[in-house]
Amino acid sequence: MVKNYRIHVIGTVQGVWFRKYTKEAALGYNLFGLVKNEQDGNVYIEAEGDEKDLGSFIEWLYTGSPLSKVKEVKCEEGSLQHFSQFEISQ
């Protein structure tokens, strides 16, 4: 079943290539959506895809990029946006 998750990743996740690695991971899990920095220093992700792939992706987020230090990952189910790709957003 295809689902949409809105995800906030909290920790040291800006300036450590987190968005680049997140995009690569999302594509590896066949997900669509976006990743962007938030003004508070955290990262926002909106991801759509198969529920099992989303679960694996969310587990990956706790590791993130090699230099990141993830403290918390908050997820909530959202409405499908029908993304056609996964992009790094400003």
N, C-alpha and C. Protein backbone atom coordinates (compact mmCIF):
# COMPACT_ATOMS: atom_id res chain seq x y z
N MET A 1 0.84 -1.18 0.00
CA MET A 1 0.00 0.00 0.00
C MET A 1 0.88 1.25 0.00
N VAL A 2 0.58 2.19 -0.88
CA VAL A 2 1.35 3.43 -0.97
C VAL A 2 0.88 4.40 0.11
N LYS A 3 1.87 4.98 0.81
CA LYS A 3 1.57 5.92 1.87
C LYS A 3 2.45 7.15 1.74
N ASN A 4 2.07 8.19 2.46
CA ASN A 4 2.84 9.42 2.54
C ASN A 4 3.19 9.65 4.01
N TYR A 5 4.45 9.96 4.25
CA TYR A 5 4.88 10.31 5.61
C TYR A 5 5.56 11.66 5.59
N ARG A 6 5.21 12.47 6.58
CA ARG A 6 5.88 13.75 6.83
C ARG A 6 6.81 13.49 8.00
N ILE A 7 8.09 13.78 7.80
CA ILE A 7 9.12 13.37 8.75
C ILE A 7 9.98 14.57 9.14
N HIS A 8 10.22 14.70 10.42
CA HIS A 8 11.15 15.72 10.93
C HIS A 8 12.32 14.99 11.57
N VAL A 9 13.52 15.31 11.11
CA VAL A 9 14.73 14.70 11.65
C VAL A 9 15.44 15.76 12.48
N ILE A 10 15.65 15.45 13.75
CA ILE A 10 16.19 16.40 14.72
C ILE A 10 17.59 15.98 15.14
N GLY A 11 18.48 16.94 15.18
CA GLY A 11 19.87 16.66 15.59
C GLY A 11 20.83 17.50 14.77
N THR A 12 22.05 17.01 14.64
CA THR A 12 23.04 17.67 13.79
C THR A 12 22.87 17.11 12.39
N VAL A 13 22.02 17.79 11.61
CA VAL A 13 21.66 17.26 10.29
C VAL A 13 21.78 18.31 9.18
N GLN A 14 22.33 19.46 9.50
CA GLN A 14 22.60 20.46 8.46
C GLN A 14 24.10 20.69 8.40
N GLY A 15 24.59 20.89 7.16
CA GLY A 15 26.02 21.09 6.97
C GLY A 15 26.82 19.81 7.05
N VAL A 16 26.14 18.67 6.96
CA VAL A 16 26.81 17.36 7.05
C VAL A 16 26.37 16.43 5.90
N TRP A 17 25.92 17.04 4.80
CA TRP A 17 25.50 16.30 3.60
C TRP A 17 24.29 15.39 3.85
N PHE A 18 23.50 15.69 4.85
CA PHE A 18 22.35 14.85 5.19
C PHE A 18 21.34 14.78 4.05
N ARG A 19 21.03 15.91 3.43
CA ARG A 19 20.03 15.91 2.35
C ARG A 19 20.50 15.07 1.16
N LYS A 20 21.76 15.17 0.80
CA LYS A 20 22.30 14.38 -0.32
C LYS A 20 22.17 12.88 -0.03
N TYR A 21 22.60 12.46 1.14
CA TYR A 21 22.52 11.04 1.50
C TYR A 21 21.07 10.58 1.62
N THR A 22 20.20 11.47 2.10
CA THR A 22 18.78 11.14 2.22
C THR A 22 18.17 10.90 0.84
N LYS A 23 18.50 11.75 -0.12
CA LYS A 23 17.98 11.56 -1.48
C LYS A 23 18.46 10.23 -2.05
N GLU A 24 19.73 9.92 -1.89
CA GLU A 24 20.27 8.65 -2.38
C GLU A 24 19.56 7.47 -1.73
N ALA A 25 19.34 7.54 -0.42
CA ALA A 25 18.65 6.45 0.29
C ALA A 25 17.22 6.33 -0.20
N ALA A 26 16.53 7.46 -0.35
CA ALA A 26 15.13 7.44 -0.81
C ALA A 26 15.02 6.79 -2.18
N LEU A 27 15.92 7.16 -3.07
CA LEU A 27 15.90 6.56 -4.41
C LEU A 27 16.17 5.06 -4.34
N GLY A 28 17.06 4.66 -3.44
CA GLY A 28 17.34 3.23 -3.25
C GLY A 28 16.15 2.45 -2.73
N TYR A 29 15.27 3.12 -2.02
CA TYR A 29 14.04 2.49 -1.51
C TYR A 29 12.84 2.75 -2.41
N ASN A 30 13.08 3.29 -3.60
CA ASN A 30 12.00 3.57 -4.57
C ASN A 30 10.95 4.53 -4.02
N LEU A 31 11.40 5.57 -3.33
CA LEU A 31 10.49 6.54 -2.75
C LEU A 31 10.50 7.84 -3.56
N PHE A 32 9.43 8.59 -3.43
CA PHE A 32 9.29 9.88 -4.09
C PHE A 32 9.01 10.92 -3.01
N GLY A 33 9.39 12.18 -3.28
CA GLY A 33 9.11 13.23 -2.32
C GLY A 33 10.17 14.31 -2.33
N LEU A 34 10.49 14.81 -1.12
CA LEU A 34 11.46 15.89 -1.01
C LEU A 34 12.12 15.89 0.35
N VAL A 35 13.27 16.54 0.40
CA VAL A 35 13.99 16.77 1.66
C VAL A 35 14.46 18.21 1.65
N LYS A 36 14.32 18.89 2.80
CA LYS A 36 14.77 20.27 2.86
C LYS A 36 15.18 20.63 4.28
N ASN A 37 16.07 21.63 4.37
CA ASN A 37 16.48 22.16 5.66
C ASN A 37 15.37 23.02 6.23
N GLU A 38 15.26 23.00 7.55
CA GLU A 38 14.31 23.86 8.24
C GLU A 38 15.09 24.98 8.93
N GLN A 39 14.41 26.07 9.21
CA GLN A 39 15.06 27.22 9.84
C GLN A 39 15.60 26.91 11.23
N ASP A 40 15.03 25.91 11.89
CA ASP A 40 15.46 25.59 13.26
C ASP A 40 16.68 24.67 13.31
N GLY A 41 17.27 24.36 12.15
CA GLY A 41 18.46 23.51 12.11
C GLY A 41 18.17 22.04 11.88
N ASN A 42 16.92 21.68 11.79
CA ASN A 42 16.53 20.30 11.55
C ASN A 42 16.22 20.10 10.07
N VAL A 43 15.79 18.91 9.70
CA VAL A 43 15.48 18.58 8.31
C VAL A 43 14.05 18.05 8.22
N TYR A 44 13.36 18.48 7.16
CA TYR A 44 11.99 18.01 6.88
C TYR A 44 12.03 17.13 5.64
N ILE A 45 11.32 16.03 5.71
CA ILE A 45 11.22 15.09 4.59
C ILE A 45 9.76 14.76 4.37
N GLU A 46 9.36 14.74 3.13
CA GLU A 46 8.05 14.20 2.78
C GLU A 46 8.33 13.06 1.81
N ALA A 47 7.91 11.87 2.16
CA ALA A 47 8.24 10.69 1.36
C ALA A 47 6.99 9.86 1.10
N GLU A 48 6.92 9.34 -0.13
CA GLU A 48 5.80 8.48 -0.53
C GLU A 48 6.34 7.21 -1.16
N GLY A 49 5.65 6.14 -0.89
CA GLY A 49 6.02 4.87 -1.48
C GLY A 49 5.36 3.73 -0.72
N ASP A 50 5.83 2.54 -1.02
CA ASP A 50 5.33 1.34 -0.36
C ASP A 50 5.62 1.42 1.14
N GLU A 51 4.66 0.99 1.91
CA GLU A 51 4.76 1.09 3.37
C GLU A 51 6.01 0.39 3.92
N LYS A 52 6.35 -0.76 3.37
CA LYS A 52 7.54 -1.51 3.82
C LYS A 52 8.81 -0.72 3.50
N ASP A 53 8.88 -0.14 2.29
CA ASP A 53 10.05 0.65 1.92
C ASP A 53 10.16 1.91 2.78
N LEU A 54 9.04 2.53 3.08
CA LEU A 54 9.04 3.70 3.96
C LEU A 54 9.58 3.33 5.34
N GLY A 55 9.19 2.18 5.85
CA GLY A 55 9.67 1.74 7.15
C GLY A 55 11.18 1.54 7.16
N SER A 56 11.71 0.95 6.10
CA SER A 56 13.16 0.75 6.00
C SER A 56 13.88 2.09 5.89
N PHE A 57 13.31 3.01 5.13
CA PHE A 57 13.87 4.35 4.96
C PHE A 57 13.91 5.08 6.30
N ILE A 58 12.83 5.01 7.05
CA ILE A 58 12.77 5.69 8.35
C ILE A 58 13.83 5.10 9.30
N GLU A 59 14.02 3.80 9.26
CA GLU A 59 15.09 3.19 10.07
C GLU A 59 16.45 3.75 9.66
N TRP A 60 16.66 3.89 8.34
CA TRP A 60 17.92 4.43 7.83
C TRP A 60 18.16 5.85 8.34
N LEU A 61 17.10 6.65 8.47
CA LEU A 61 17.24 8.04 8.89
C LEU A 61 17.94 8.18 10.23
N TYR A 62 17.81 7.20 11.10
CA TYR A 62 18.47 7.26 12.40
C TYR A 62 19.99 7.21 12.24
N THR A 63 20.48 6.68 11.14
CA THR A 63 21.91 6.66 10.83
C THR A 63 22.29 7.90 10.05
N GLY A 64 21.57 8.18 8.97
CA GLY A 64 21.80 9.37 8.16
C GLY A 64 23.15 9.39 7.49
N SER A 65 23.68 10.59 7.29
CA SER A 65 24.98 10.75 6.65
C SER A 65 26.09 10.43 7.64
N PRO A 66 27.30 10.17 7.15
CA PRO A 66 28.40 9.80 8.06
C PRO A 66 28.69 10.83 9.15
N LEU A 67 28.49 12.12 8.89
CA LEU A 67 28.81 13.14 9.87
C LEU A 67 27.61 13.61 10.70
N SER A 68 26.43 13.10 10.40
CA SER A 68 25.23 13.54 11.13
C SER A 68 25.14 12.87 12.50
N LYS A 69 24.39 13.52 13.37
CA LYS A 69 24.09 12.96 14.70
C LYS A 69 22.59 13.14 14.91
N VAL A 70 21.85 12.10 14.60
CA VAL A 70 20.39 12.16 14.67
C VAL A 70 19.95 11.87 16.11
N LYS A 71 19.18 12.80 16.66
CA LYS A 71 18.67 12.63 18.02
C LYS A 71 17.26 12.04 18.02
N GLU A 72 16.47 12.44 17.02
CA GLU A 72 15.07 12.01 17.00
C GLU A 72 14.52 12.07 15.58
N VAL A 73 13.62 11.15 15.28
CA VAL A 73 12.91 11.13 14.00
C VAL A 73 11.42 11.10 14.32
N LYS A 74 10.71 12.15 13.92
CA LYS A 74 9.27 12.24 14.16
C LYS A 74 8.53 12.03 12.84
N CYS A 75 7.57 11.10 12.83
CA CYS A 75 6.83 10.78 11.62
C CYS A 75 5.33 10.91 11.86
N GLU A 76 4.65 11.36 10.81
CA GLU A 76 3.19 11.33 10.83
C GLU A 76 2.72 11.05 9.41
N GLU A 77 1.64 10.31 9.32
CA GLU A 77 1.10 9.99 8.01
C GLU A 77 0.40 11.22 7.44
N GLY A 78 0.63 11.46 6.14
CA GLY A 78 0.02 12.59 5.46
C GLY A 78 -0.81 12.13 4.29
N SER A 79 -1.31 13.10 3.54
CA SER A 79 -2.09 12.82 2.33
C SER A 79 -1.15 12.63 1.15
N LEU A 80 -1.50 11.71 0.28
CA LEU A 80 -0.67 11.47 -0.90
C LEU A 80 -0.58 12.74 -1.74
N GLN A 81 0.64 13.06 -2.16
CA GLN A 81 0.90 14.22 -3.00
C GLN A 81 1.22 13.81 -4.44
N HIS A 82 1.43 12.53 -4.66
CA HIS A 82 1.72 11.97 -5.99
C HIS A 82 2.98 12.59 -6.60
N PHE A 83 4.05 12.62 -5.80
CA PHE A 83 5.34 13.10 -6.28
C PHE A 83 5.81 12.21 -7.44
N SER A 84 6.55 12.79 -8.39
CA SER A 84 7.04 12.02 -9.53
C SER A 84 8.54 11.78 -9.43
N GLN A 85 9.19 12.36 -8.40
CA GLN A 85 10.63 12.17 -8.20
C GLN A 85 10.94 12.46 -6.73
N PHE A 86 12.20 12.31 -6.36
CA PHE A 86 12.63 12.71 -5.03
C PHE A 86 13.65 13.81 -5.21
N GLU A 87 13.41 14.96 -4.57
CA GLU A 87 14.29 16.09 -4.81
C GLU A 87 14.75 16.76 -3.52
N ILE A 88 15.88 17.43 -3.64
CA ILE A 88 16.38 18.28 -2.56
C ILE A 88 15.77 19.65 -2.79
N SER A 89 15.03 20.13 -1.82
CA SER A 89 14.33 21.40 -1.95
C SER A 89 15.03 22.47 -1.12
N GLN A 90 14.86 23.71 -1.50
CA GLN A 90 15.47 24.82 -0.76
C GLN A 90 14.58 25.27 0.36
